[in-house]
Amino acid sequence: MQRQTTIIENSMIWCGAGISIAEILTGTYLAPLGFTKGIAVIILGHIIGCFLLFLAGIIGGQQRLSSMNAAKISFGQNGSKFFALLNVLQLIGWTGIMIYDGALAANGVWHLNQALWVILIGALIIGCSSGFGTFITLTLRPSQHY
């Protein structure tokens, strides 16, 4: 029997995904408002964003569809492709931000060239996502068969 998550569990998952130090740090790059205004805007943005993601999750959960398939209900086949494209673009952008944040953190500890850290972290991400990670996993755990 499959266990389904409750609305409260889903809301906690999305709130946990939506509220992160990386997002707060990125917000300071884009809009340096000062501490008080910055915190107020971050909290407001997270409330709005989490609420919209929560509603999308409810629709998907009730219809037993993924988010992209649930988008077809309202926007049709071509509309859902548009949202899928936007999702891919934001994931590429977010990867760039995370590489930048990682390079800042690594350079703060190991005082090398920040551009070098960007290249190293980017190469690591490409290597892990292109099958190298699977190779390492199979090499490190040869007793388990996949």
Foldseek 3Di string as FASTA:
>chain_A
DDDDDDLVVVLVVLLVVLDDPLVLVVLCVVDVPDDPVSVVVSVVVSVVVSVVVSVLVVQCVVVVHDSLVSQCVPQNDVRSVVVVVVVVVVVVVVVLSVLLVQLVVVCVVVVDDSVVSSVVVVVVVCCCVVCVVVVVVCVVCVVDDD
